[in-house]
PDB file of N, CA and C in Angstrom:
ATOM      1  N   MET A   1     -14.442  -3.844  -1.214  1.00  0.00           N
ATOM      2  CA  MET A   1     -13.105  -3.639  -0.700  1.00  0.00           C
ATOM      3  C   MET A   1     -13.189  -3.678   0.828  1.00  0.00           C
ATOM      4  N   VAL A   2     -12.285  -4.381   1.436  1.00  0.00           N
ATOM      5  CA  VAL A   2     -12.261  -4.521   2.888  1.00  0.00           C
ATOM      6  C   VAL A   2     -11.049  -3.763   3.421  1.00  0.00           C
ATOM      7  N   ILE A   3     -11.275  -2.878   4.415  1.00  0.00           N
ATOM      8  CA  ILE A   3     -10.173  -2.111   4.983  1.00  0.00           C
ATOM      9  C   ILE A   3     -10.126  -2.295   6.490  1.00  0.00           C
ATOM     10  N   HIS A   4      -8.952  -2.078   7.058  1.00  0.00           N
ATOM     11  CA  HIS A   4      -8.768  -2.122   8.504  1.00  0.00           C
ATOM     12  C   HIS A   4      -9.304  -0.836   9.112  1.00  0.00           C
ATOM     13  N   ASN A   5      -9.915  -0.946  10.304  1.00  0.00           N
ATOM     14  CA  ASN A   5     -10.413   0.248  10.995  1.00  0.00           C
ATOM     15  C   ASN A   5      -9.308   0.989  11.720  1.00  0.00           C
ATOM     16  N   GLU A   6      -8.291   0.276  12.168  1.00  0.00           N
ATOM     17  CA  GLU A   6      -7.252   0.880  12.995  1.00  0.00           C
ATOM     18  C   GLU A   6      -5.880   0.380  12.560  1.00  0.00           C
ATOM     19  N   ASN A   7      -4.857   1.171  12.854  1.00  0.00           N
ATOM     20  CA  ASN A   7      -3.480   0.731  12.668  1.00  0.00           C
ATOM     21  C   ASN A   7      -2.725   1.168  13.916  1.00  0.00           C
ATOM     22  N   PRO A   8      -2.352   0.265  14.769  1.00  0.00           N
ATOM     23  CA  PRO A   8      -2.499  -1.188  14.686  1.00  0.00           C
ATOM     24  C   PRO A   8      -3.857  -1.639  15.210  1.00  0.00           C
ATOM     25  N   SER A   9      -4.249  -2.825  14.783  1.00  0.00           N
ATOM     26  CA  SER A   9      -5.451  -3.440  15.332  1.00  0.00           C
ATOM     27  C   SER A   9      -5.163  -3.813  16.773  1.00  0.00           C
ATOM     28  N   PRO A  10      -6.182  -3.847  17.633  1.00  0.00           N
ATOM     29  CA  PRO A  10      -5.949  -4.200  19.036  1.00  0.00           C
ATOM     30  C   PRO A  10      -5.222  -5.541  19.172  1.00  0.00           C
ATOM     31  N   GLY A  11      -4.132  -5.530  19.918  1.00  0.00           N
ATOM     32  CA  GLY A  11      -3.351  -6.750  20.152  1.00  0.00           C
ATOM     33  C   GLY A  11      -2.439  -7.153  19.017  1.00  0.00           C
ATOM     34  N   GLN A  12      -2.324  -6.319  17.988  1.00  0.00           N
ATOM     35  CA  GLN A  12      -1.491  -6.634  16.825  1.00  0.00           C
ATOM     36  C   GLN A  12      -0.364  -5.608  16.708  1.00  0.00           C
ATOM     37  N   PRO A  13       0.745  -5.986  16.078  1.00  0.00           N
ATOM     38  CA  PRO A  13       1.824  -5.014  15.874  1.00  0.00           C
ATOM     39  C   PRO A  13       1.429  -3.979  14.816  1.00  0.00           C
ATOM     40  N   LEU A  14       2.120  -2.858  14.831  1.00  0.00           N
ATOM     41  CA  LEU A  14       1.906  -1.784  13.872  1.00  0.00           C
ATOM     42  C   LEU A  14       2.190  -2.293  12.459  1.00  0.00           C
ATOM     43  N   ARG A  15       1.302  -1.983  11.520  1.00  0.00           N
ATOM     44  CA  ARG A  15       1.522  -2.366  10.122  1.00  0.00           C
ATOM     45  C   ARG A  15       2.396  -1.308   9.467  1.00  0.00           C
ATOM     46  N   VAL A  16       3.538  -1.722   8.967  1.00  0.00           N
ATOM     47  CA  VAL A  16       4.489  -0.810   8.332  1.00  0.00           C
ATOM     48  C   VAL A  16       4.669  -1.253   6.888  1.00  0.00           C
ATOM     49  N   ALA A  17       4.615  -0.306   5.982  1.00  0.00           N
ATOM     50  CA  ALA A  17       4.803  -0.614   4.567  1.00  0.00           C
ATOM     51  C   ALA A  17       6.151  -0.097   4.108  1.00  0.00           C
ATOM     52  N   LYS A  18       6.754  -0.819   3.210  1.00  0.00           N
ATOM     53  CA  LYS A  18       7.988  -0.379   2.558  1.00  0.00           C
ATOM     54  C   LYS A  18       7.701  -0.401   1.059  1.00  0.00           C
ATOM     55  N   PRO A  19       6.970   0.627   0.594  1.00  0.00           N
ATOM     56  CA  PRO A  19       6.557   0.610  -0.809  1.00  0.00           C
ATOM     57  C   PRO A  19       7.735   0.706  -1.759  1.00  0.00           C
ATOM     58  N   LYS A  20       7.623  -0.040  -2.839  1.00  0.00           N
ATOM     59  CA  LYS A  20       8.662  -0.043  -3.864  1.00  0.00           C
ATOM     60  C   LYS A  20       7.974  -0.272  -5.198  1.00  0.00           C
ATOM     61  N   PHE A  21       8.331   0.510  -6.164  1.00  0.00           N
ATOM     62  CA  PHE A  21       7.745   0.374  -7.486  1.00  0.00           C
ATOM     63  C   PHE A  21       8.812   0.723  -8.513  1.00  0.00           C
ATOM     64  N   THR A  22       8.961  -0.094  -9.517  1.00  0.00           N
ATOM     65  CA  THR A  22       9.954   0.153 -10.555  1.00  0.00           C
ATOM     66  C   THR A  22       9.349   1.065 -11.618  1.00  0.00           C
ATOM     67  N   ARG A  23      10.063   2.118 -11.948  1.00  0.00           N
ATOM     68  CA  ARG A  23       9.565   3.123 -12.891  1.00  0.00           C
ATOM     69  C   ARG A  23       9.609   2.622 -14.324  1.00  0.00           C
ATOM     70  N   ASP A  24       8.507   2.829 -15.009  1.00  0.00           N
ATOM     71  CA  ASP A  24       8.439   2.576 -16.442  1.00  0.00           C
ATOM     72  C   ASP A  24       8.977   3.835 -17.130  1.00  0.00           C
ATOM     73  N   PRO A  25      10.096   3.744 -17.860  1.00  0.00           N
ATOM     74  CA  PRO A  25      10.691   4.939 -18.473  1.00  0.00           C
ATOM     75  C   PRO A  25       9.761   5.637 -19.476  1.00  0.00           C
ATOM     76  N   GLN A  26       8.737   4.963 -19.948  1.00  0.00           N
ATOM     77  CA  GLN A  26       7.792   5.550 -20.899  1.00  0.00           C
ATOM     78  C   GLN A  26       6.707   6.376 -20.213  1.00  0.00           C
ATOM     79  N   LYS A  27       6.649   6.309 -18.876  1.00  0.00           N
ATOM     80  CA  LYS A  27       5.618   7.024 -18.123  1.00  0.00           C
ATOM     81  C   LYS A  27       6.242   8.154 -17.316  1.00  0.00           C
ATOM     82  N   SER A  28       5.408   9.054 -16.840  1.00  0.00           N
ATOM     83  CA  SER A  28       5.899  10.244 -16.148  1.00  0.00           C
ATOM     84  C   SER A  28       6.390   9.941 -14.733  1.00  0.00           C
ATOM     85  N   PHE A  29       7.133  10.890 -14.187  1.00  0.00           N
ATOM     86  CA  PHE A  29       7.602  10.799 -12.805  1.00  0.00           C
ATOM     87  C   PHE A  29       6.416  10.754 -11.843  1.00  0.00           C
ATOM     88  N   PHE A  30       5.365  11.498 -12.150  1.00  0.00           N
ATOM     89  CA  PHE A  30       4.194  11.541 -11.272  1.00  0.00           C
ATOM     90  C   PHE A  30       3.472  10.201 -11.247  1.00  0.00           C
ATOM     91  N   ASN A  31       3.547   9.463 -12.341  1.00  0.00           N
ATOM     92  CA  ASN A  31       3.001   8.112 -12.354  1.00  0.00           C
ATOM     93  C   ASN A  31       3.766   7.248 -11.352  1.00  0.00           C
ATOM     94  N   LEU A  32       5.076   7.378 -11.317  1.00  0.00           N
ATOM     95  CA  LEU A  32       5.898   6.635 -10.358  1.00  0.00           C
ATOM     96  C   LEU A  32       5.521   7.002  -8.926  1.00  0.00           C
ATOM     97  N   VAL A  33       5.362   8.294  -8.660  1.00  0.00           N
ATOM     98  CA  VAL A  33       4.996   8.746  -7.314  1.00  0.00           C
ATOM     99  C   VAL A  33       3.645   8.158  -6.922  1.00  0.00           C
ATOM    100  N   TRP A  34       2.652   8.232  -7.802  1.00  0.00           N
ATOM    101  CA  TRP A  34       1.323   7.716  -7.503  1.00  0.00           C
ATOM    102  C   TRP A  34       1.363   6.211  -7.256  1.00  0.00           C
ATOM    103  N   LYS A  35       2.033   5.465  -8.124  1.00  0.00           N
ATOM    104  CA  LYS A  35       2.087   4.010  -7.975  1.00  0.00           C
ATOM    105  C   LYS A  35       2.775   3.615  -6.668  1.00  0.00           C
ATOM    106  N   THR A  36       3.823   4.342  -6.278  1.00  0.00           N
ATOM    107  CA  THR A  36       4.528   4.054  -5.032  1.00  0.00           C
ATOM    108  C   THR A  36       3.640   4.340  -3.830  1.00  0.00           C
ATOM    109  N   ILE A  37       2.955   5.485  -3.842  1.00  0.00           N
ATOM    110  CA  ILE A  37       2.043   5.821  -2.746  1.00  0.00           C
ATOM    111  C   ILE A  37       0.917   4.799  -2.663  1.00  0.00           C
ATOM    112  N   PHE A  38       0.338   4.425  -3.796  1.00  0.00           N
ATOM    113  CA  PHE A  38      -0.753   3.452  -3.808  1.00  0.00           C
ATOM    114  C   PHE A  38      -0.294   2.102  -3.256  1.00  0.00           C
ATOM    115  N   THR A  39       0.922   1.679  -3.600  1.00  0.00           N
ATOM    116  CA  THR A  39       1.453   0.421  -3.076  1.00  0.00           C
ATOM    117  C   THR A  39       1.551   0.468  -1.554  1.00  0.00           C
ATOM    118  N   GLY A  40       2.030   1.579  -1.002  1.00  0.00           N
ATOM    119  CA  GLY A  40       2.130   1.722   0.453  1.00  0.00           C
ATOM    120  C   GLY A  40       0.771   1.726   1.124  1.00  0.00           C
ATOM    121  N   ILE A  41      -0.197   2.418   0.532  1.00  0.00           N
ATOM    122  CA  ILE A  41      -1.548   2.438   1.090  1.00  0.00           C
ATOM    123  C   ILE A  41      -2.144   1.037   1.059  1.00  0.00           C
ATOM    124  N   LYS A  42      -1.956   0.359  -0.044  1.00  0.00           N
ATOM    125  CA  LYS A  42      -2.502  -0.983  -0.197  1.00  0.00           C
ATOM    126  C   LYS A  42      -1.938  -1.925   0.867  1.00  0.00           C
ATOM    127  N   GLU A  43      -0.651  -1.798   1.173  1.00  0.00           N
ATOM    128  CA  GLU A  43      -0.024  -2.677   2.163  1.00  0.00           C
ATOM    129  C   GLU A  43      -0.475  -2.387   3.590  1.00  0.00           C
ATOM    130  N   THR A  44      -0.842  -1.149   3.912  1.00  0.00           N
ATOM    131  CA  THR A  44      -1.195  -0.809   5.282  1.00  0.00           C
ATOM    132  C   THR A  44      -2.692  -0.779   5.537  1.00  0.00           C
ATOM    133  N   VAL A  45      -3.496  -0.447   4.550  1.00  0.00           N
ATOM    134  CA  VAL A  45      -4.919  -0.234   4.777  1.00  0.00           C
ATOM    135  C   VAL A  45      -5.754  -1.477   4.456  1.00  0.00           C
ATOM    136  N   LEU A  46      -5.466  -2.122   3.357  1.00  0.00           N
ATOM    137  CA  LEU A  46      -6.278  -3.261   2.963  1.00  0.00           C
ATOM    138  C   LEU A  46      -5.976  -4.488   3.807  1.00  0.00           C
ATOM    139  N   THR A  47      -6.984  -5.307   4.001  1.00  0.00           N
ATOM    140  CA  THR A  47      -6.787  -6.546   4.750  1.00  0.00           C
ATOM    141  C   THR A  47      -6.011  -7.541   3.899  1.00  0.00           C
ATOM    142  N   ASP A  48      -5.540  -8.595   4.515  1.00  0.00           N
ATOM    143  CA  ASP A  48      -4.799  -9.614   3.789  1.00  0.00           C
ATOM    144  C   ASP A  48      -5.658 -10.243   2.683  1.00  0.00           C
ATOM    145  N   MET A  49      -6.942 -10.346   2.947  1.00  0.00           N
ATOM    146  CA  MET A  49      -7.853 -10.951   1.987  1.00  0.00           C
ATOM    147  C   MET A  49      -7.950 -10.098   0.727  1.00  0.00           C
ATOM    148  N   ALA A  50      -7.924  -8.781   0.858  1.00  0.00           N
ATOM    149  CA  ALA A  50      -8.079  -7.892  -0.278  1.00  0.00           C
ATOM    150  C   ALA A  50      -6.748  -7.444  -0.866  1.00  0.00           C
ATOM    151  N   ALA A  51      -5.631  -7.832  -0.270  1.00  0.00           N
ATOM    152  CA  ALA A  51      -4.327  -7.351  -0.717  1.00  0.00           C
ATOM    153  C   ALA A  51      -3.880  -7.959  -2.038  1.00  0.00           C
ATOM    154  N   GLY A  52      -4.606  -8.883  -2.582  1.00  0.00           N
ATOM    155  CA  GLY A  52      -4.234  -9.500  -3.841  1.00  0.00           C
ATOM    156  C   GLY A  52      -4.552  -8.645  -5.051  1.00  0.00           C
ATOM    157  N   LEU A  53      -4.882  -7.379  -4.869  1.00  0.00           N
ATOM    158  CA  LEU A  53      -5.216  -6.484  -5.978  1.00  0.00           C
ATOM    159  C   LEU A  53      -4.031  -6.222  -6.864  1.00  0.00           C
TER     160      LEU A  53
END
């Protein structure tokens, strides 16, 4: 897994995530919270190369 060392990287704009996840009605509310948080982390921390997860 490849991650960025800094946000923002030197000379780059700040990476901002707008996480969005559609809730599966068969799963718990906490599953929705976790999936939404994970989506935001994935968008800001992982490099473009690793973002295809």
